[in-house]
Amino acid sequence: MSFFKNLFGKKKQSANLPKCSSCGKDIPPTESTVGQDIRRSGGVIVGGAGTGLDEILYKGTICRSCGRINCLSCHDFNKKGFKCPNCGSSISPLYADYLR
């Protein structure tokens, strides 16, 4: 029984969660990946594995130019839009592969 629990059970959170550059708090992952959400609603992912849609998505943003990470509470989308408050470059959703 524990084999199936390990195989299909909820993923454990890593002890090394990303930290917000503004407030310093840990940024938790979302409940499911984008790929899981697409499949749950009956969609199909064209391209199969390796599309990045099954990467862990955290509740934050990252600037891929300067590396600044913000939780969703600290980044004010109304004032800053989708620009980094540090360097002005575009920000991206915080996927686990961007942290590698």
N, C-alpha and C. Protein backbone atom coordinates (compact mmCIF):
# COMPACT_ATOMS: atom_id res chain seq x y z
N MET A 1 0.82 -1.19 0.00
CA MET A 1 0.00 0.00 0.00
C MET A 1 0.87 1.25 0.00
N SER A 2 1.99 1.24 0.72
CA SER A 2 2.82 2.43 0.78
C SER A 2 3.48 2.72 -0.56
N PHE A 3 3.65 1.68 -1.40
CA PHE A 3 4.20 1.90 -2.74
C PHE A 3 3.29 2.83 -3.53
N PHE A 4 1.97 2.56 -3.52
CA PHE A 4 1.03 3.39 -4.25
C PHE A 4 0.91 4.78 -3.63
N LYS A 5 1.01 4.85 -2.31
CA LYS A 5 0.96 6.14 -1.63
C LYS A 5 2.15 7.00 -2.07
N ASN A 6 3.33 6.38 -2.15
CA ASN A 6 4.52 7.11 -2.60
C ASN A 6 4.42 7.49 -4.07
N LEU A 7 3.84 6.61 -4.87
CA LEU A 7 3.74 6.85 -6.30
C LEU A 7 2.71 7.92 -6.63
N PHE A 8 1.54 7.83 -6.00
CA PHE A 8 0.44 8.74 -6.34
C PHE A 8 0.14 9.77 -5.26
N GLY A 9 0.84 9.72 -4.15
CA GLY A 9 0.59 10.64 -3.05
C GLY A 9 1.00 12.06 -3.39
N LYS A 10 0.62 12.97 -2.54
CA LYS A 10 0.95 14.37 -2.71
C LYS A 10 2.46 14.57 -2.61
N LYS A 11 3.00 15.42 -3.49
CA LYS A 11 4.43 15.68 -3.47
C LYS A 11 4.79 16.44 -2.19
N LYS A 12 5.92 16.04 -1.61
CA LYS A 12 6.38 16.73 -0.41
C LYS A 12 7.05 18.04 -0.81
N GLN A 13 6.87 19.02 0.02
CA GLN A 13 7.51 20.31 -0.23
C GLN A 13 8.99 20.21 0.12
N SER A 14 9.77 20.84 -0.69
CA SER A 14 11.21 20.86 -0.45
C SER A 14 11.50 21.72 0.77
N ALA A 15 12.54 21.34 1.50
CA ALA A 15 12.94 22.13 2.66
C ALA A 15 13.54 23.47 2.21
N ASN A 16 14.01 23.52 0.97
CA ASN A 16 14.64 24.73 0.45
C ASN A 16 13.67 25.48 -0.46
N LEU A 17 12.66 26.06 0.13
CA LEU A 17 11.71 26.85 -0.66
C LEU A 17 12.36 28.17 -1.05
N PRO A 18 11.99 28.71 -2.22
CA PRO A 18 12.52 30.03 -2.58
C PRO A 18 12.02 31.08 -1.61
N LYS A 19 12.81 32.11 -1.41
CA LYS A 19 12.45 33.20 -0.49
C LYS A 19 12.20 34.48 -1.27
N CYS A 20 11.23 35.24 -0.81
CA CYS A 20 10.89 36.52 -1.42
C CYS A 20 12.03 37.51 -1.18
N SER A 21 12.43 38.22 -2.24
CA SER A 21 13.50 39.21 -2.12
C SER A 21 13.05 40.44 -1.33
N SER A 22 11.75 40.66 -1.23
CA SER A 22 11.24 41.84 -0.52
C SER A 22 10.99 41.57 0.96
N CYS A 23 10.21 40.52 1.27
CA CYS A 23 9.83 40.28 2.68
C CYS A 23 10.62 39.14 3.32
N GLY A 24 11.30 38.32 2.53
CA GLY A 24 12.11 37.24 3.07
C GLY A 24 11.34 35.97 3.42
N LYS A 25 10.03 35.95 3.20
CA LYS A 25 9.23 34.76 3.53
C LYS A 25 9.42 33.68 2.47
N ASP A 26 9.20 32.41 2.91
CA ASP A 26 9.22 31.29 1.98
C ASP A 26 8.06 31.42 1.00
N ILE A 27 8.30 31.03 -0.26
CA ILE A 27 7.26 31.05 -1.28
C ILE A 27 6.81 29.62 -1.51
N PRO A 28 5.57 29.28 -1.15
CA PRO A 28 5.11 27.90 -1.27
C PRO A 28 4.74 27.55 -2.72
N PRO A 29 4.76 26.24 -3.04
CA PRO A 29 4.32 25.83 -4.38
C PRO A 29 2.81 25.86 -4.49
N THR A 30 2.31 25.91 -5.71
CA THR A 30 0.87 25.81 -5.94
C THR A 30 0.44 24.37 -5.66
N GLU A 31 -0.85 24.15 -5.57
CA GLU A 31 -1.39 22.82 -5.24
C GLU A 31 -1.12 21.80 -6.34
N SER A 32 -1.07 22.23 -7.59
CA SER A 32 -0.83 21.31 -8.70
C SER A 32 -0.06 22.04 -9.79
N THR A 33 0.47 21.26 -10.73
CA THR A 33 1.20 21.86 -11.84
C THR A 33 0.23 22.32 -12.91
N VAL A 34 0.71 23.12 -13.83
CA VAL A 34 -0.13 23.56 -14.95
C VAL A 34 -0.56 22.35 -15.77
N GLY A 35 0.35 21.42 -15.99
CA GLY A 35 0.03 20.20 -16.75
C GLY A 35 -1.08 19.39 -16.10
N GLN A 36 -1.04 19.26 -14.78
CA GLN A 36 -2.10 18.53 -14.07
C GLN A 36 -3.44 19.24 -14.23
N ASP A 37 -3.44 20.57 -14.16
CA ASP A 37 -4.69 21.33 -14.33
C ASP A 37 -5.27 21.13 -15.73
N ILE A 38 -4.41 21.14 -16.74
CA ILE A 38 -4.87 20.95 -18.12
C ILE A 38 -5.49 19.56 -18.28
N ARG A 39 -4.79 18.53 -17.77
CA ARG A 39 -5.31 17.16 -17.90
C ARG A 39 -6.59 16.97 -17.10
N ARG A 40 -6.67 17.57 -15.92
CA ARG A 40 -7.85 17.44 -15.07
C ARG A 40 -9.10 17.99 -15.76
N SER A 41 -8.92 19.05 -16.56
CA SER A 41 -10.09 19.61 -17.24
C SER A 41 -10.31 19.00 -18.62
N GLY A 42 -9.64 17.87 -18.90
CA GLY A 42 -9.90 17.14 -20.14
C GLY A 42 -8.99 17.52 -21.29
N GLY A 43 -8.03 18.40 -21.06
CA GLY A 43 -7.14 18.82 -22.13
C GLY A 43 -6.00 17.84 -22.35
N VAL A 44 -5.34 18.01 -23.46
CA VAL A 44 -4.19 17.19 -23.82
C VAL A 44 -3.01 18.11 -24.06
N ILE A 45 -1.85 17.71 -23.58
CA ILE A 45 -0.65 18.51 -23.77
C ILE A 45 0.08 17.99 -25.01
N VAL A 46 0.16 18.80 -26.02
CA VAL A 46 0.85 18.43 -27.24
C VAL A 46 2.34 18.60 -27.01
N GLY A 47 3.12 17.62 -27.38
CA GLY A 47 4.56 17.67 -27.17
C GLY A 47 5.01 16.75 -26.07
N GLY A 48 4.08 16.24 -25.27
CA GLY A 48 4.42 15.28 -24.23
C GLY A 48 5.32 15.83 -23.15
N ALA A 49 6.15 14.95 -22.62
CA ALA A 49 7.06 15.33 -21.54
C ALA A 49 8.10 16.31 -22.07
N GLY A 50 8.60 17.11 -21.19
CA GLY A 50 9.62 18.06 -21.57
C GLY A 50 9.08 19.42 -21.97
N THR A 51 7.77 19.63 -21.84
CA THR A 51 7.19 20.93 -22.17
C THR A 51 7.35 21.92 -21.03
N GLY A 52 7.69 21.43 -19.84
CA GLY A 52 7.85 22.31 -18.68
C GLY A 52 6.56 22.53 -17.91
N LEU A 53 5.44 22.03 -18.43
CA LEU A 53 4.16 22.26 -17.76
C LEU A 53 3.99 21.40 -16.51
N ASP A 54 4.83 20.41 -16.33
CA ASP A 54 4.76 19.59 -15.14
C ASP A 54 5.81 19.98 -14.10
N GLU A 55 6.48 21.08 -14.33
CA GLU A 55 7.41 21.63 -13.33
C GLU A 55 6.60 22.22 -12.18
N ILE A 56 7.19 22.22 -11.00
CA ILE A 56 6.53 22.84 -9.84
C ILE A 56 6.43 24.34 -10.09
N LEU A 57 5.27 24.88 -9.84
CA LEU A 57 5.02 26.31 -9.96
C LEU A 57 4.83 26.88 -8.56
N TYR A 58 5.64 27.88 -8.22
CA TYR A 58 5.54 28.51 -6.91
C TYR A 58 4.64 29.73 -6.99
N LYS A 59 4.14 30.17 -5.85
CA LYS A 59 3.24 31.32 -5.77
C LYS A 59 4.05 32.60 -5.73
N GLY A 60 4.74 32.87 -6.85
CA GLY A 60 5.59 34.04 -6.92
C GLY A 60 6.03 34.33 -8.34
N THR A 61 6.89 35.33 -8.46
CA THR A 61 7.41 35.74 -9.77
C THR A 61 8.93 35.80 -9.69
N ILE A 62 9.57 35.75 -10.87
CA ILE A 62 11.02 35.85 -10.94
C ILE A 62 11.40 36.71 -12.13
N CYS A 63 12.41 37.53 -11.95
CA CYS A 63 12.99 38.28 -13.06
C CYS A 63 14.14 37.43 -13.58
N ARG A 64 14.05 37.03 -14.81
CA ARG A 64 15.09 36.16 -15.36
C ARG A 64 16.33 36.94 -15.77
N SER A 65 16.27 38.27 -15.69
CA SER A 65 17.45 39.09 -15.98
C SER A 65 18.32 39.27 -14.73
N CYS A 66 17.70 39.73 -13.63
CA CYS A 66 18.49 40.01 -12.43
C CYS A 66 18.33 38.96 -11.34
N GLY A 67 17.34 38.06 -11.47
CA GLY A 67 17.15 36.99 -10.50
C GLY A 67 16.29 37.33 -9.30
N ARG A 68 15.70 38.54 -9.27
CA ARG A 68 14.87 38.94 -8.13
C ARG A 68 13.61 38.06 -8.09
N ILE A 69 13.30 37.57 -6.89
CA ILE A 69 12.13 36.72 -6.66
C ILE A 69 11.18 37.46 -5.73
N ASN A 70 9.89 37.48 -6.07
CA ASN A 70 8.89 38.11 -5.21
C ASN A 70 7.72 37.17 -5.00
N CYS A 71 7.19 37.17 -3.78
CA CYS A 71 5.93 36.46 -3.53
C CYS A 71 4.81 37.29 -4.16
N LEU A 72 3.66 36.69 -4.32
CA LEU A 72 2.55 37.41 -4.95
C LEU A 72 2.02 38.53 -4.08
N SER A 73 2.27 38.46 -2.77
CA SER A 73 1.82 39.53 -1.87
C SER A 73 2.68 40.78 -2.03
N CYS A 74 3.95 40.61 -2.30
CA CYS A 74 4.86 41.76 -2.37
C CYS A 74 4.90 42.43 -3.74
N HIS A 75 4.66 41.69 -4.80
CA HIS A 75 4.72 42.33 -6.12
C HIS A 75 3.37 42.99 -6.41
N ASP A 76 3.38 44.30 -6.53
CA ASP A 76 2.16 45.06 -6.79
C ASP A 76 1.94 45.14 -8.30
N PHE A 77 1.08 44.25 -8.82
CA PHE A 77 0.82 44.21 -10.26
C PHE A 77 0.12 45.47 -10.75
N ASN A 78 -0.64 46.14 -9.86
CA ASN A 78 -1.32 47.38 -10.26
C ASN A 78 -0.34 48.51 -10.54
N LYS A 79 0.75 48.57 -9.77
CA LYS A 79 1.74 49.64 -9.96
C LYS A 79 2.85 49.23 -10.92
N LYS A 80 3.36 48.00 -10.77
CA LYS A 80 4.53 47.56 -11.53
C LYS A 80 4.17 46.77 -12.79
N GLY A 81 2.92 46.30 -12.88
CA GLY A 81 2.56 45.46 -14.02
C GLY A 81 3.39 44.19 -14.01
N PHE A 82 3.89 43.81 -15.16
CA PHE A 82 4.71 42.62 -15.27
C PHE A 82 6.17 42.99 -15.48
N LYS A 83 6.61 44.03 -14.79
CA LYS A 83 8.00 44.50 -14.85
C LYS A 83 8.66 44.30 -13.50
N CYS A 84 9.94 44.01 -13.53
CA CYS A 84 10.73 43.83 -12.30
C CYS A 84 10.91 45.18 -11.62
N PRO A 85 10.64 45.26 -10.31
CA PRO A 85 10.84 46.52 -9.60
C PRO A 85 12.32 46.87 -9.44
N ASN A 86 13.20 45.90 -9.66
CA ASN A 86 14.63 46.11 -9.50
C ASN A 86 15.29 46.63 -10.78
N CYS A 87 15.01 45.96 -11.92
CA CYS A 87 15.72 46.32 -13.16
C CYS A 87 14.80 46.73 -14.31
N GLY A 88 13.48 46.55 -14.16
CA GLY A 88 12.54 46.96 -15.20
C GLY A 88 12.31 45.94 -16.30
N SER A 89 12.98 44.78 -16.24
CA SER A 89 12.78 43.72 -17.23
C SER A 89 11.46 43.00 -16.96
N SER A 90 11.02 42.20 -17.91
CA SER A 90 9.79 41.42 -17.75
C SER A 90 9.99 40.35 -16.69
N ILE A 91 8.92 40.08 -15.93
CA ILE A 91 8.96 39.01 -14.93
C ILE A 91 8.23 37.79 -15.47
N SER A 92 8.53 36.65 -14.88
CA SER A 92 7.93 35.38 -15.27
C SER A 92 7.33 34.71 -14.04
N PRO A 93 6.37 33.78 -14.26
CA PRO A 93 5.94 32.95 -13.14
C PRO A 93 7.12 32.18 -12.59
N LEU A 94 7.11 31.89 -11.31
CA LEU A 94 8.24 31.24 -10.65
C LEU A 94 8.14 29.72 -10.75
N TYR A 95 8.68 29.18 -11.85
CA TYR A 95 8.76 27.72 -12.03
C TYR A 95 10.05 27.21 -11.40
N ALA A 96 10.03 25.98 -10.92
CA ALA A 96 11.18 25.38 -10.25
C ALA A 96 12.40 25.34 -11.16
N ASP A 97 12.20 25.13 -12.47
CA ASP A 97 13.37 25.03 -13.35
C ASP A 97 14.07 26.36 -13.52
N TYR A 98 13.43 27.48 -13.21
CA TYR A 98 14.10 28.78 -13.27
C TYR A 98 15.04 28.99 -12.09
N LEU A 99 14.91 28.16 -11.06
CA LEU A 99 15.75 28.28 -9.86
C LEU A 99 17.03 27.46 -9.98
N ARG A 100 17.12 26.64 -11.00
CA ARG A 100 18.30 25.77 -11.16
C ARG A 100 19.44 26.51 -11.77
